[in-house]
Amino acid sequence: DYKGQKLAEQIFQGIILVSAVIGFIYGYITEQFRWTVYIVMAGFALSCLLTLPPWPMYRRNPLKWLPVQESGTEEKKPADRKPKRHAKS
């Protein structure tokens, strides 16, 4: 559902943003860029774990699909077909 997709996107972006800020601050304090990358990668992994599987919290508002309708494009029997008439030249 669309509301679940919006919620998943907001959670994903929020976790990435928070982990990037924390990673930057911690990396700046320790003067190690490696820790910044590790923290951002951990935030990415956490956000993927929370948003990629179809958790029930994302499926609270299912879409209502239209019922299947029979189409009128079925092939006609050979006896029902009219022969084509070509124009005389």
N, C-alpha and C. Protein backbone atom coordinates (compact mmCIF):
# COMPACT_ATOMS: atom_id res chain seq x y z
N ASP A 1 0.83 -1.18 0.00
CA ASP A 1 0.00 0.00 0.00
C ASP A 1 0.88 1.25 0.00
N TYR A 2 0.29 2.33 -0.41
CA TYR A 2 1.06 3.57 -0.56
C TYR A 2 1.48 4.16 0.78
N LYS A 3 0.64 4.05 1.79
CA LYS A 3 0.99 4.58 3.11
C LYS A 3 2.15 3.78 3.70
N GLY A 4 2.16 2.49 3.49
CA GLY A 4 3.26 1.65 3.96
C GLY A 4 4.56 1.98 3.25
N GLN A 5 4.48 2.25 1.95
CA GLN A 5 5.67 2.64 1.20
C GLN A 5 6.22 3.98 1.71
N LYS A 6 5.33 4.90 2.01
CA LYS A 6 5.75 6.20 2.53
C LYS A 6 6.42 6.04 3.89
N LEU A 7 5.83 5.19 4.74
CA LEU A 7 6.41 4.95 6.06
C LEU A 7 7.79 4.30 5.95
N ALA A 8 7.92 3.32 5.07
CA ALA A 8 9.21 2.65 4.87
C ALA A 8 10.25 3.64 4.37
N GLU A 9 9.88 4.51 3.45
CA GLU A 9 10.82 5.52 2.93
C GLU A 9 11.24 6.49 4.02
N GLN A 10 10.30 6.91 4.86
CA GLN A 10 10.63 7.83 5.94
C GLN A 10 11.56 7.19 6.96
N ILE A 11 11.30 5.92 7.31
CA ILE A 11 12.16 5.21 8.25
C ILE A 11 13.55 5.05 7.66
N PHE A 12 13.63 4.66 6.39
CA PHE A 12 14.91 4.46 5.72
C PHE A 12 15.73 5.76 5.72
N GLN A 13 15.12 6.85 5.30
CA GLN A 13 15.84 8.13 5.24
C GLN A 13 16.23 8.62 6.63
N GLY A 14 15.36 8.43 7.61
CA GLY A 14 15.66 8.87 8.97
C GLY A 14 16.84 8.13 9.57
N ILE A 15 16.88 6.81 9.39
CA ILE A 15 17.99 6.03 9.93
C ILE A 15 19.29 6.39 9.23
N ILE A 16 19.25 6.54 7.92
CA ILE A 16 20.46 6.92 7.18
C ILE A 16 20.96 8.30 7.64
N LEU A 17 20.06 9.25 7.79
CA LEU A 17 20.45 10.59 8.21
C LEU A 17 21.04 10.59 9.61
N VAL A 18 20.38 9.91 10.55
CA VAL A 18 20.86 9.87 11.93
C VAL A 18 22.21 9.17 12.00
N SER A 19 22.35 8.05 11.30
CA SER A 19 23.63 7.33 11.34
C SER A 19 24.75 8.15 10.68
N ALA A 20 24.43 8.91 9.65
CA ALA A 20 25.44 9.75 9.01
C ALA A 20 25.91 10.86 9.95
N VAL A 21 24.98 11.48 10.66
CA VAL A 21 25.35 12.54 11.60
C VAL A 21 26.18 11.97 12.74
N ILE A 22 25.72 10.85 13.32
CA ILE A 22 26.46 10.23 14.42
C ILE A 22 27.84 9.78 13.94
N GLY A 23 27.88 9.16 12.77
CA GLY A 23 29.16 8.70 12.22
C GLY A 23 30.12 9.85 11.97
N PHE A 24 29.60 10.95 11.45
CA PHE A 24 30.46 12.10 11.19
C PHE A 24 31.03 12.67 12.49
N ILE A 25 30.15 12.82 13.47
CA ILE A 25 30.59 13.39 14.75
C ILE A 25 31.60 12.46 15.42
N TYR A 26 31.31 11.18 15.48
CA TYR A 26 32.23 10.24 16.12
C TYR A 26 33.54 10.15 15.35
N GLY A 27 33.47 10.12 14.05
CA GLY A 27 34.68 10.08 13.24
C GLY A 27 35.51 11.34 13.39
N TYR A 28 34.86 12.48 13.54
CA TYR A 28 35.57 13.75 13.73
C TYR A 28 36.28 13.78 15.09
N ILE A 29 35.57 13.28 16.12
CA ILE A 29 36.15 13.28 17.46
C ILE A 29 37.36 12.34 17.54
N THR A 30 37.22 11.15 16.97
CA THR A 30 38.30 10.16 17.02
C THR A 30 39.33 10.36 15.92
N GLU A 31 39.03 11.25 14.99
CA GLU A 31 39.89 11.52 13.84
C GLU A 31 40.15 10.25 13.01
N GLN A 32 39.11 9.43 12.89
CA GLN A 32 39.19 8.20 12.10
C GLN A 32 38.00 8.17 11.13
N PHE A 33 38.28 8.33 9.85
CA PHE A 33 37.22 8.28 8.85
C PHE A 33 36.61 6.88 8.76
N ARG A 34 37.40 5.90 9.13
CA ARG A 34 36.95 4.50 9.09
C ARG A 34 35.70 4.31 9.95
N TRP A 35 35.66 4.95 11.15
CA TRP A 35 34.50 4.81 12.02
C TRP A 35 33.26 5.48 11.43
N THR A 36 33.46 6.56 10.72
CA THR A 36 32.34 7.20 10.03
C THR A 36 31.72 6.24 9.04
N VAL A 37 32.57 5.59 8.26
CA VAL A 37 32.08 4.65 7.25
C VAL A 37 31.40 3.46 7.91
N TYR A 38 31.99 2.92 8.98
CA TYR A 38 31.40 1.77 9.68
C TYR A 38 30.01 2.11 10.24
N ILE A 39 29.88 3.28 10.84
CA ILE A 39 28.60 3.66 11.44
C ILE A 39 27.55 3.89 10.37
N VAL A 40 27.91 4.51 9.26
CA VAL A 40 26.95 4.72 8.17
C VAL A 40 26.55 3.38 7.55
N MET A 41 27.51 2.47 7.40
CA MET A 41 27.19 1.14 6.87
C MET A 41 26.28 0.36 7.81
N ALA A 42 26.49 0.49 9.12
CA ALA A 42 25.63 -0.16 10.10
C ALA A 42 24.21 0.43 10.04
N GLY A 43 24.11 1.74 9.87
CA GLY A 43 22.79 2.37 9.72
C GLY A 43 22.09 1.92 8.46
N PHE A 44 22.85 1.75 7.38
CA PHE A 44 22.27 1.27 6.13
C PHE A 44 21.76 -0.15 6.30
N ALA A 45 22.55 -1.01 6.96
CA ALA A 45 22.13 -2.40 7.17
C ALA A 45 20.88 -2.46 8.05
N LEU A 46 20.84 -1.64 9.10
CA LEU A 46 19.67 -1.60 9.98
C LEU A 46 18.43 -1.12 9.22
N SER A 47 18.60 -0.09 8.41
CA SER A 47 17.45 0.43 7.66
C SER A 47 16.96 -0.58 6.62
N CYS A 48 17.88 -1.32 6.01
CA CYS A 48 17.46 -2.37 5.08
C CYS A 48 16.70 -3.48 5.80
N LEU A 49 17.16 -3.85 6.99
CA LEU A 49 16.50 -4.89 7.78
C LEU A 49 15.09 -4.46 8.18
N LEU A 50 14.92 -3.18 8.45
CA LEU A 50 13.61 -2.69 8.89
C LEU A 50 12.65 -2.37 7.75
N THR A 51 13.16 -2.09 6.56
CA THR A 51 12.26 -1.61 5.50
C THR A 51 12.09 -2.57 4.32
N LEU A 52 13.03 -3.45 4.06
CA LEU A 52 12.90 -4.30 2.88
C LEU A 52 11.92 -5.47 3.04
N PRO A 53 11.91 -6.19 4.16
CA PRO A 53 10.91 -7.27 4.28
C PRO A 53 9.50 -6.69 4.37
N PRO A 54 8.52 -7.45 3.94
CA PRO A 54 7.13 -6.95 4.00
C PRO A 54 6.53 -7.12 5.40
N TRP A 55 6.98 -6.31 6.34
CA TRP A 55 6.49 -6.38 7.70
C TRP A 55 5.01 -5.99 7.75
N PRO A 56 4.25 -6.52 8.73
CA PRO A 56 2.82 -6.19 8.81
C PRO A 56 2.52 -4.71 8.98
N MET A 57 3.44 -3.95 9.58
CA MET A 57 3.18 -2.52 9.77
C MET A 57 3.13 -1.76 8.44
N TYR A 58 3.68 -2.35 7.38
CA TYR A 58 3.65 -1.71 6.06
C TYR A 58 2.45 -2.16 5.24
N ARG A 59 1.67 -3.13 5.74
CA ARG A 59 0.55 -3.67 4.98
C ARG A 59 -0.79 -3.43 5.67
N ARG A 60 -0.92 -2.32 6.33
CA ARG A 60 -2.16 -2.04 7.06
C ARG A 60 -3.28 -1.50 6.17
N ASN A 61 -2.94 -0.92 5.05
CA ASN A 61 -3.92 -0.31 4.15
C ASN A 61 -3.81 -0.93 2.76
N PRO A 62 -4.29 -2.17 2.58
CA PRO A 62 -4.13 -2.82 1.27
C PRO A 62 -4.97 -2.14 0.20
N LEU A 63 -4.49 -2.22 -1.02
CA LEU A 63 -5.22 -1.66 -2.15
C LEU A 63 -6.38 -2.56 -2.51
N LYS A 64 -7.49 -1.96 -2.93
CA LYS A 64 -8.64 -2.74 -3.37
C LYS A 64 -8.59 -2.84 -4.88
N TRP A 65 -8.38 -4.03 -5.37
CA TRP A 65 -8.27 -4.26 -6.81
C TRP A 65 -9.64 -4.46 -7.41
N LEU A 66 -9.77 -4.11 -8.67
CA LEU A 66 -11.02 -4.33 -9.38
C LEU A 66 -11.18 -5.82 -9.65
N PRO A 67 -12.43 -6.32 -9.70
CA PRO A 67 -12.61 -7.74 -10.00
C PRO A 67 -12.24 -8.03 -11.46
N VAL A 68 -11.90 -9.28 -11.71
CA VAL A 68 -11.52 -9.70 -13.05
C VAL A 68 -12.77 -9.70 -13.93
N GLN A 69 -12.65 -9.12 -15.12
CA GLN A 69 -13.77 -9.09 -16.06
C GLN A 69 -13.39 -9.88 -17.30
N GLU A 70 -14.37 -10.54 -17.84
CA GLU A 70 -14.15 -11.29 -19.08
C GLU A 70 -14.02 -10.30 -20.23
N SER A 71 -13.02 -10.47 -21.04
CA SER A 71 -12.84 -9.57 -22.17
C SER A 71 -13.58 -10.13 -23.38
N GLY A 72 -14.01 -9.27 -24.28
CA GLY A 72 -14.74 -9.68 -25.47
C GLY A 72 -13.83 -9.91 -26.65
N THR A 73 -12.58 -10.21 -26.42
CA THR A 73 -11.63 -10.38 -27.52
C THR A 73 -11.33 -11.85 -27.80
N GLU A 74 -12.24 -12.72 -27.39
CA GLU A 74 -12.02 -14.14 -27.66
C GLU A 74 -12.10 -14.40 -29.16
N GLU A 75 -11.37 -15.41 -29.59
CA GLU A 75 -11.38 -15.73 -31.02
C GLU A 75 -12.72 -16.32 -31.42
N LYS A 76 -13.19 -15.93 -32.60
CA LYS A 76 -14.45 -16.45 -33.11
C LYS A 76 -14.21 -17.79 -33.79
N LYS A 77 -15.26 -18.57 -33.87
CA LYS A 77 -15.18 -19.85 -34.56
C LYS A 77 -15.01 -19.59 -36.06
N PRO A 78 -14.37 -20.50 -36.77
CA PRO A 78 -14.18 -20.28 -38.22
C PRO A 78 -15.50 -20.06 -38.97
N ALA A 79 -16.59 -20.67 -38.55
CA ALA A 79 -17.87 -20.49 -39.24
C ALA A 79 -18.42 -19.08 -39.02
N ASP A 80 -18.08 -18.47 -37.94
CA ASP A 80 -18.59 -17.13 -37.63
C ASP A 80 -17.84 -16.02 -38.37
N ARG A 81 -16.70 -16.34 -38.90
CA ARG A 81 -15.89 -15.33 -39.58
C ARG A 81 -16.43 -15.09 -40.99
N LYS A 82 -16.42 -13.84 -41.38
CA LYS A 82 -16.84 -13.50 -42.74
C LYS A 82 -15.60 -13.45 -43.62
N PRO A 83 -15.71 -13.94 -44.85
CA PRO A 83 -14.54 -13.88 -45.73
C PRO A 83 -14.25 -12.42 -46.10
N LYS A 84 -13.00 -12.11 -46.24
CA LYS A 84 -12.60 -10.76 -46.61
C LYS A 84 -12.81 -10.56 -48.10
N ARG A 85 -13.30 -9.41 -48.46
CA ARG A 85 -13.52 -9.09 -49.88
C ARG A 85 -12.46 -8.08 -50.29
N HIS A 86 -11.78 -8.42 -51.36
CA HIS A 86 -10.76 -7.53 -51.87
C HIS A 86 -11.34 -6.63 -52.93
N ALA A 87 -10.88 -5.41 -52.97
CA ALA A 87 -11.36 -4.46 -53.97
C ALA A 87 -10.79 -4.87 -55.34
N LYS A 88 -11.64 -4.73 -56.37
CA LYS A 88 -11.18 -5.05 -57.72
C LYS A 88 -10.31 -3.91 -58.22
N SER A 89 -9.25 -4.28 -58.89
CA SER A 89 -8.37 -3.26 -59.41
C SER A 89 -8.55 -3.01 -60.87
